[in-house]
C-alpha atoms as a PDB file:
ATOM      1  CA  MET A   1      -2.891  18.347 -19.874  1.00  0.00           C
ATOM      2  CA  GLY A   2      -3.062  20.092 -16.554  1.00  0.00           C
ATOM      3  CA  SER A   3      -0.301  20.575 -14.039  1.00  0.00           C
ATOM      4  CA  VAL A   4       0.290  17.909 -11.393  1.00  0.00           C
ATOM      5  CA  ARG A   5      -1.275  18.739  -8.023  1.00  0.00           C
ATOM      6  CA  GLY A   6      -1.965  17.084  -4.695  1.00  0.00           C
ATOM      7  CA  TYR A   7       1.269  15.185  -4.126  1.00  0.00           C
ATOM      8  CA  THR A   8       2.904  14.799  -0.757  1.00  0.00           C
ATOM      9  CA  ALA A   9       6.577  15.703  -0.541  1.00  0.00           C
ATOM     10  CA  TRP A  10       7.880  12.119  -0.799  1.00  0.00           C
ATOM     11  CA  GLU A  11       5.885  11.212  -3.888  1.00  0.00           C
ATOM     12  CA  ARG A  12       6.096  14.463  -5.828  1.00  0.00           C
ATOM     13  CA  PRO A  13       7.739  14.059  -9.259  1.00  0.00           C
ATOM     14  CA  LEU A  14      10.856  16.008  -9.984  1.00  0.00           C
ATOM     15  CA  LEU A  15      10.446  19.745 -10.481  1.00  0.00           C
ATOM     16  CA  PHE A  16      11.749  19.358 -14.018  1.00  0.00           C
ATOM     17  CA  ALA A  17       8.915  16.925 -14.806  1.00  0.00           C
ATOM     18  CA  LEU A  18       6.349  19.231 -13.231  1.00  0.00           C
ATOM     19  CA  ARG A  19       7.423  21.974 -15.616  1.00  0.00           C
ATOM     20  CA  LEU A  20       7.305  19.668 -18.611  1.00  0.00           C
ATOM     21  CA  THR A  21       3.764  18.490 -17.876  1.00  0.00           C
ATOM     22  CA  ARG A  22       2.265  21.988 -17.975  1.00  0.00           C
ATOM     23  CA  PRO A  23       0.791  22.865 -21.358  1.00  0.00           C
ATOM     24  CA  SER A  24       2.373  26.295 -21.012  1.00  0.00           C
ATOM     25  CA  PHE A  25       5.800  24.676 -21.116  1.00  0.00           C
ATOM     26  CA  LEU A  26       5.979  24.004 -24.839  1.00  0.00           C
ATOM     27  CA  GLY A  27       3.359  21.263 -24.785  1.00  0.00           C
ATOM     28  CA  ILE A  28       5.769  18.485 -23.789  1.00  0.00           C
ATOM     29  CA  ASP A  29       3.854  15.457 -22.510  1.00  0.00           C
ATOM     30  CA  PHE A  30       6.336  13.633 -20.281  1.00  0.00           C
ATOM     31  CA  TYR A  31       6.379  12.486 -16.661  1.00  0.00           C
ATOM     32  CA  ILE A  32       9.106  11.357 -14.300  1.00  0.00           C
ATOM     33  CA  GLY A  33       6.774   9.588 -11.912  1.00  0.00           C
ATOM     34  CA  LEU A  34       3.358   9.004 -13.507  1.00  0.00           C
ATOM     35  CA  PRO A  35       0.365  10.339 -11.492  1.00  0.00           C
ATOM     36  CA  PHE A  36      -2.605   8.037 -11.018  1.00  0.00           C
ATOM     37  CA  SER A  37      -4.801  10.387 -13.040  1.00  0.00           C
ATOM     38  CA  GLU A  38      -2.709   9.734 -16.166  1.00  0.00           C
ATOM     39  CA  PHE A  39      -2.145   6.002 -15.797  1.00  0.00           C
ATOM     40  CA  TYR A  40      -5.046   5.122 -18.107  1.00  0.00           C
ATOM     41  CA  ARG A  41      -3.158   6.729 -20.998  1.00  0.00           C
ATOM     42  CA  MET A  42      -0.091   4.514 -20.647  1.00  0.00           C
ATOM     43  CA  ALA A  43       0.178   1.537 -22.991  1.00  0.00           C
ATOM     44  CA  ARG A  44       0.459  -1.713 -21.060  1.00  0.00           C
ATOM     45  CA  VAL A  45       3.806  -3.446 -21.322  1.00  0.00           C
ATOM     46  CA  LYS A  46       3.949  -6.887 -22.921  1.00  0.00           C
ATOM     47  CA  ASN A  47       5.639  -9.347 -20.573  1.00  0.00           C
ATOM     48  CA  ASN A  48       7.509 -11.934 -22.627  1.00  0.00           C
ATOM     49  CA  ALA A  49      10.534 -12.744 -20.488  1.00  0.00           C
ATOM     50  CA  LEU A  50      11.666 -15.621 -22.700  1.00  0.00           C
ATOM     51  CA  LYS A  51      11.756 -13.402 -25.794  1.00  0.00           C
ATOM     52  CA  VAL A  52      13.671 -10.644 -23.976  1.00  0.00           C
ATOM     53  CA  PHE A  53      16.202 -13.132 -22.632  1.00  0.00           C
ATOM     54  CA  TRP A  54      16.684 -14.733 -26.064  1.00  0.00           C
ATOM     55  CA  GLN A  55      17.239 -11.343 -27.714  1.00  0.00           C
ATOM     56  CA  SER A  56      19.728 -10.379 -25.002  1.00  0.00           C
ATOM     57  CA  MET A  57      21.680 -13.510 -25.813  1.00  0.00           C
ATOM     58  CA  GLN A  58      22.151 -12.330 -29.404  1.00  0.00           C
ATOM     59  CA  ASP A  59      24.567  -9.694 -28.107  1.00  0.00           C
ATOM     60  CA  PRO A  60      27.922 -11.497 -27.619  1.00  0.00           C
ATOM     61  CA  PHE A  61      28.989  -9.200 -24.799  1.00  0.00           C
ATOM     62  CA  LEU A  62      25.740  -9.492 -22.861  1.00  0.00           C
ATOM     63  CA  ARG A  63      25.926 -13.245 -23.448  1.00  0.00           C
ATOM     64  CA  SER A  64      29.392 -13.303 -21.926  1.00  0.00           C
ATOM     65  CA  GLY A  65      28.154 -11.349 -18.910  1.00  0.00           C
ATOM     66  CA  PHE A  66      25.179 -13.650 -18.350  1.00  0.00           C
ATOM     67  CA  LEU A  67      27.453 -16.682 -18.604  1.00  0.00           C
ATOM     68  CA  GLN A  68      29.585 -15.212 -15.824  1.00  0.00           C
ATOM     69  CA  LEU A  69      26.433 -14.773 -13.777  1.00  0.00           C
ATOM     70  CA  LEU A  70      25.221 -18.325 -14.424  1.00  0.00           C
ATOM     71  CA  LEU A  71      28.646 -19.827 -13.733  1.00  0.00           C
ATOM     72  CA  GLY A  72      28.731 -18.232 -10.336  1.00  0.00           C
ATOM     73  CA  ASN A  73      31.124 -15.313 -10.790  1.00  0.00           C
ATOM     74  CA  LYS A  74      29.173 -13.169  -8.351  1.00  0.00           C
ATOM     75  CA  GLU A  75      31.977 -10.635  -7.929  1.00  0.00           C
ATOM     76  CA  SER A  76      32.125  -9.479 -11.561  1.00  0.00           C
ATOM     77  CA  LEU A  77      30.876  -5.921 -12.070  1.00  0.00           C
ATOM     78  CA  PHE A  78      28.238  -7.184 -14.505  1.00  0.00           C
ATOM     79  CA  SER A  79      26.942  -9.724 -11.973  1.00  0.00           C
ATOM     80  CA  ARG A  80      26.859  -7.197  -9.147  1.00  0.00           C
ATOM     81  CA  ALA A  81      25.021  -4.628 -11.258  1.00  0.00           C
ATOM     82  CA  THR A  82      22.423  -6.960 -12.763  1.00  0.00           C
ATOM     83  CA  SER A  83      21.712  -8.799  -9.504  1.00  0.00           C
ATOM     84  CA  ASN A  84      20.351  -5.578  -8.004  1.00  0.00           C
ATOM     85  CA  SER A  85      17.203  -6.119 -10.047  1.00  0.00           C
ATOM     86  CA  ASN A  86      15.993  -9.172 -11.939  1.00  0.00           C
ATOM     87  CA  TYR A  87      14.899  -6.914 -14.769  1.00  0.00           C
ATOM     88  CA  ILE A  88      13.727  -9.679 -17.127  1.00  0.00           C
ATOM     89  CA  ASN A  89      11.249 -11.080 -14.586  1.00  0.00           C
ATOM     90  CA  GLU A  90      10.156  -7.675 -13.278  1.00  0.00           C
ATOM     91  CA  ILE A  91       8.780  -6.251 -16.516  1.00  0.00           C
ATOM     92  CA  HIS A  92       5.251  -6.771 -15.156  1.00  0.00           C
ATOM     93  CA  LYS A  93       5.875  -4.031 -12.572  1.00  0.00           C
ATOM     94  CA  PHE A  94       5.646  -1.429 -15.313  1.00  0.00           C
ATOM     95  CA  ASN A  95       1.917  -2.184 -15.504  1.00  0.00           C
ATOM     96  CA  GLN A  96       1.383  -1.285 -11.849  1.00  0.00           C
ATOM     97  CA  PRO A  97       0.361   2.319 -11.078  1.00  0.00           C
ATOM     98  CA  ASP A  98       2.012   2.283  -7.629  1.00  0.00           C
ATOM     99  CA  TYR A  99       5.340   1.404  -9.261  1.00  0.00           C
ATOM    100  CA  MET A 100       5.047   3.822 -12.155  1.00  0.00           C
ATOM    101  CA  ARG A 101       4.308   6.831  -9.947  1.00  0.00           C
ATOM    102  CA  MET A 102       7.758   6.580  -8.299  1.00  0.00           C
ATOM    103  CA  PRO A 103      10.053   9.234  -9.877  1.00  0.00           C
ATOM    104  CA  LEU A 104      13.116   6.988  -9.699  1.00  0.00           C
ATOM    105  CA  ALA A 105      11.344   4.109 -11.429  1.00  0.00           C
ATOM    106  CA  SER A 106       9.903   5.604 -14.558  1.00  0.00           C
ATOM    107  CA  GLY A 107       9.931   8.177 -17.289  1.00  0.00           C
ATOM    108  CA  VAL A 108       6.676   8.082 -19.234  1.00  0.00           C
ATOM    109  CA  GLY A 109       5.792  10.099 -22.307  1.00  0.00           C
ATOM    110  CA  THR A 110       5.029  10.120 -25.991  1.00  0.00           C
ATOM    111  CA  ALA A 111       7.575   9.695 -28.761  1.00  0.00           C
ATOM    112  CA  GLU A 112       6.581  13.127 -30.077  1.00  0.00           C
ATOM    113  CA  SER A 113       7.346  14.778 -26.746  1.00  0.00           C
ATOM    114  CA  LEU A 114      10.688  13.017 -26.357  1.00  0.00           C
ATOM    115  CA  ALA A 115      11.687  14.092 -29.857  1.00  0.00           C
ATOM    116  CA  LYS A 116      10.556  17.648 -29.127  1.00  0.00           C
ATOM    117  CA  LEU A 117      12.472  17.701 -25.854  1.00  0.00           C
ATOM    118  CA  HIS A 118      15.659  16.746 -27.688  1.00  0.00           C
ATOM    119  CA  SER A 119      14.965  19.222 -30.465  1.00  0.00           C
ATOM    120  CA  LEU A 120      14.922  22.000 -27.868  1.00  0.00           C
ATOM    121  CA  LEU A 121      18.548  21.173 -27.110  1.00  0.00           C
ATOM    122  CA  ILE A 122      19.735  21.656 -30.680  1.00  0.00           C
ATOM    123  CA  ASP A 123      17.515  24.351 -32.230  1.00  0.00           C
ATOM    124  CA  GLY A 124      19.615  27.244 -30.877  1.00  0.00           C
ATOM    125  CA  SER A 125      16.655  28.838 -29.102  1.00  0.00           C
ATOM    126  CA  GLU A 126      18.046  28.453 -25.560  1.00  0.00           C
ATOM    127  CA  ARG A 127      14.486  27.791 -24.384  1.00  0.00           C
ATOM    128  CA  LEU A 128      15.711  24.809 -22.377  1.00  0.00           C
ATOM    129  CA  LEU A 129      19.491  25.194 -21.963  1.00  0.00           C
ATOM    130  CA  ARG A 130      22.002  27.955 -22.607  1.00  0.00           C
ATOM    131  CA  LYS A 131      24.206  27.595 -25.665  1.00  0.00           C
ATOM    132  CA  SER A 132      27.280  27.249 -23.451  1.00  0.00           C
ATOM    133  CA  THR A 133      25.652  24.211 -21.823  1.00  0.00           C
ATOM    134  CA  VAL A 134      24.572  22.717 -25.148  1.00  0.00           C
ATOM    135  CA  ASP A 135      28.148  23.101 -26.385  1.00  0.00           C
ATOM    136  CA  LEU A 136      29.216  20.692 -23.639  1.00  0.00           C
ATOM    137  CA  LEU A 137      26.875  18.074 -25.089  1.00  0.00           C
ATOM    138  CA  THR A 138      28.341  17.998 -28.581  1.00  0.00           C
ATOM    139  CA  ASN A 139      31.157  15.560 -27.749  1.00  0.00           C
ATOM    140  CA  PRO A 140      31.467  12.606 -25.361  1.00  0.00           C
ATOM    141  CA  VAL A 141      33.538  12.773 -22.208  1.00  0.00           C
ATOM    142  CA  TYR A 142      34.529   9.104 -22.349  1.00  0.00           C
ATOM    143  CA  VAL A 143      35.049   6.801 -25.328  1.00  0.00           C
ATOM    144  CA  GLY A 144      36.118   3.229 -24.644  1.00  0.00           C
ATOM    145  CA  PRO A 145      35.079  -0.098 -23.105  1.00  0.00           C
ATOM    146  CA  ASP A 146      32.327  -0.411 -20.509  1.00  0.00           C
ATOM    147  CA  VAL A 147      33.550  -3.006 -18.034  1.00  0.00           C
ATOM    148  CA  VAL A 148      30.124  -3.234 -16.377  1.00  0.00           C
ATOM    149  CA  LEU A 149      27.982  -3.867 -19.467  1.00  0.00           C
ATOM    150  CA  MET A 150      30.765  -5.862 -21.128  1.00  0.00           C
ATOM    151  CA  GLN A 151      30.711  -3.580 -24.175  1.00  0.00           C
ATOM    152  CA  PRO A 152      34.041  -2.920 -25.960  1.00  0.00           C
ATOM    153  CA  ASN A 153      33.089   0.427 -27.512  1.00  0.00           C
ATOM    154  CA  THR A 154      30.942   2.904 -25.614  1.00  0.00           C
ATOM    155  CA  SER A 155      30.682   6.687 -25.558  1.00  0.00           C
ATOM    156  CA  PHE A 156      29.242   8.668 -22.659  1.00  0.00           C
ATOM    157  CA  GLY A 157      29.150  12.240 -21.424  1.00  0.00           C
ATOM    158  CA  TRP A 158      27.001  14.618 -19.338  1.00  0.00           C
ATOM    159  CA  GLY A 159      24.081  12.212 -18.990  1.00  0.00           C
ATOM    160  CA  PHE A 160      23.936  11.074 -22.607  1.00  0.00           C
ATOM    161  CA  GLN A 161      25.161   8.234 -24.766  1.00  0.00           C
ATOM    162  CA  TYR A 162      26.959   9.178 -27.983  1.00  0.00           C
ATOM    163  CA  PHE A 163      26.783   7.679 -31.449  1.00  0.00           C
ATOM    164  CA  LEU A 164      29.251   8.518 -34.189  1.00  0.00           C
ATOM    165  CA  ARG A 165      27.725   9.300 -37.588  1.00  0.00           C
ATOM    166  CA  GLU A 166      30.003  10.269 -40.440  1.00  0.00           C
ATOM    167  CA  ASP A 167      32.098  13.140 -39.051  1.00  0.00           C
ATOM    168  CA  HIS A 168      30.082  14.154 -35.982  1.00  0.00           C
ATOM    169  CA  TRP A 169      28.641  12.804 -32.756  1.00  0.00           C
ATOM    170  CA  ASN A 170      24.922  12.419 -32.095  1.00  0.00           C
ATOM    171  CA  PHE A 171      23.721  12.221 -28.511  1.00  0.00           C
ATOM    172  CA  GLY A 172      20.716  10.612 -26.838  1.00  0.00           C
ATOM    173  CA  HIS A 173      19.999   7.642 -24.619  1.00  0.00           C
ATOM    174  CA  CYS A 174      18.506   4.190 -24.760  1.00  0.00           C
ATOM    175  CA  GLY A 175      15.562   3.261 -22.574  1.00  0.00           C
ATOM    176  CA  TYR A 176      14.307   0.036 -21.067  1.00  0.00           C
ATOM    177  CA  GLY A 177      13.296  -2.586 -23.600  1.00  0.00           C
ATOM    178  CA  GLY A 178      14.924  -1.065 -26.687  1.00  0.00           C
ATOM    179  CA  MET A 179      13.515   2.458 -26.577  1.00  0.00           C
ATOM    180  CA  MET A 180      15.768   5.193 -27.891  1.00  0.00           C
ATOM    181  CA  THR A 181      16.149   8.948 -28.350  1.00  0.00           C
ATOM    182  CA  LEU A 182      18.643  10.780 -30.552  1.00  0.00           C
ATOM    183  CA  ALA A 183      19.626  14.399 -31.196  1.00  0.00           C
ATOM    184  CA  ASP A 184      21.634  15.259 -34.305  1.00  0.00           C
ATOM    185  CA  LEU A 185      22.971  18.794 -34.020  1.00  0.00           C
ATOM    186  CA  ALA A 186      24.658  18.759 -37.435  1.00  0.00           C
ATOM    187  CA  ASN A 187      21.423  17.920 -39.261  1.00  0.00           C
ATOM    188  CA  GLN A 188      19.075  19.714 -36.815  1.00  0.00           C
ATOM    189  CA  LEU A 189      17.224  16.457 -36.310  1.00  0.00           C
ATOM    190  CA  SER A 190      15.770  14.547 -33.363  1.00  0.00           C
ATOM    191  CA  ILE A 191      14.378  11.012 -33.294  1.00  0.00           C
ATOM    192  CA  ALA A 192      12.458   9.162 -30.582  1.00  0.00           C
ATOM    193  CA  TYR A 193      11.294   5.560 -30.552  1.00  0.00           C
ATOM    194  CA  VAL A 194       9.072   4.131 -27.796  1.00  0.00           C
ATOM    195  CA  THR A 195       7.356   0.760 -27.544  1.00  0.00           C
ATOM    196  CA  SER A 196       5.279  -1.341 -25.155  1.00  0.00           C
ATOM    197  CA  ASP A 197       6.625  -4.537 -26.764  1.00  0.00           C
ATOM    198  CA  TYR A 198       9.936  -4.699 -24.936  1.00  0.00           C
ATOM    199  CA  SER A 199      13.040  -6.289 -26.403  1.00  0.00           C
ATOM    200  CA  GLY A 200      16.397  -7.377 -25.037  1.00  0.00           C
ATOM    201  CA  TYR A 201      18.503  -5.304 -27.424  1.00  0.00           C
ATOM    202  CA  LEU A 202      20.828  -2.528 -26.270  1.00  0.00           C
ATOM    203  CA  ALA A 203      20.900   1.060 -27.525  1.00  0.00           C
ATOM    204  CA  ASP A 204      20.784   1.443 -31.310  1.00  0.00           C
ATOM    205  CA  ASN A 205      21.022  -2.337 -31.864  1.00  0.00           C
ATOM    206  CA  GLU A 206      17.227  -2.551 -31.527  1.00  0.00           C
ATOM    207  CA  PRO A 207      16.122  -3.576 -35.065  1.00  0.00           C
ATOM    208  CA  ARG A 208      12.851  -1.631 -35.042  1.00  0.00           C
ATOM    209  CA  TYR A 209      14.547   1.577 -33.944  1.00  0.00           C
ATOM    210  CA  ALA A 210      17.408   0.994 -36.400  1.00  0.00           C
ATOM    211  CA  ALA A 211      14.902   0.674 -39.264  1.00  0.00           C
ATOM    212  CA  LEU A 212      13.262   3.960 -38.243  1.00  0.00           C
ATOM    213  CA  ARG A 213      16.615   5.738 -37.913  1.00  0.00           C
ATOM    214  CA  ASP A 214      17.877   4.463 -41.256  1.00  0.00           C
ATOM    215  CA  ALA A 215      14.643   5.495 -43.004  1.00  0.00           C
ATOM    216  CA  VAL A 216      14.920   9.021 -41.587  1.00  0.00           C
ATOM    217  CA  TYR A 217      18.536   9.391 -42.683  1.00  0.00           C
ATOM    218  CA  HIS A 218      17.691   8.012 -46.109  1.00  0.00           C
ATOM    219  CA  VAL A 219      15.341  10.979 -46.528  1.00  0.00           C
ATOM    220  CA  VAL A 220      17.848  13.444 -45.021  1.00  0.00           C
ATOM    221  CA  ASP A 221      20.693  12.244 -47.220  1.00  0.00           C
ATOM    222  CA  GLY A 222      18.451  12.248 -50.285  1.00  0.00           C
ATOM    223  CA  SER A 223      17.346  15.815 -49.615  1.00  0.00           C
ATOM    224  CA  ARG A 224      20.961  16.910 -49.206  1.00  0.00           C
ATOM    225  CA  ASN A 225      21.919  15.330 -52.528  1.00  0.00           C
ATOM    226  CA  VAL A 226      19.042  17.077 -54.315  1.00  0.00           C
ATOM    227  CA  ALA A 227      19.915  20.433 -52.764  1.00  0.00           C
ATOM    228  CA  SER A 228      23.577  20.142 -53.844  1.00  0.00           C
ATOM    229  CA  ARG A 229      22.790  19.669 -57.537  1.00  0.00           C
END
């Protein structure tokens, strides 16, 4: 893939994304703001608002937040945050090139590139970040309830979400519609899951991602047991 050229100042993707889309930069295929020339490569999003809403209602805390919204509690933090964008009914916008080229609206890439990007944070090479910076990412800054998303147990820090596994924290972030990335420093492992069939699940509650994650750790744990014999 070639570098991105010909943008005016207001529509130019972030400098970070420009670096990532050059083949000389480790072959990572990821855009923050998708140029028109690459739109044909993007899988079209399936727009099933009823399914997304139904899946969202399976989460008791999201269900509680939506009930507040429906019952007219417009001043709750959940209501104020979600009323900024009717995200369930606006899924179709992700199939519009004018929308997807906006840097603040989209991050578009392959699962392989997202996994590779996270692997660069944990492989000790310092090709992306210094070790002193990576050390800041190993533990969350905040662990506790999220009063906006109505979640009782959340973990955040330095731009990432955190997920406790055994005796260490993994970091990553969920994406729109159930997509997910994960970096496991202890096991030197990164996982990325992307989909065009959006769901209403949050973070690692997405069943398809959870099945992928569990299958990967089944192999990792099995290999560790064999090596320890």
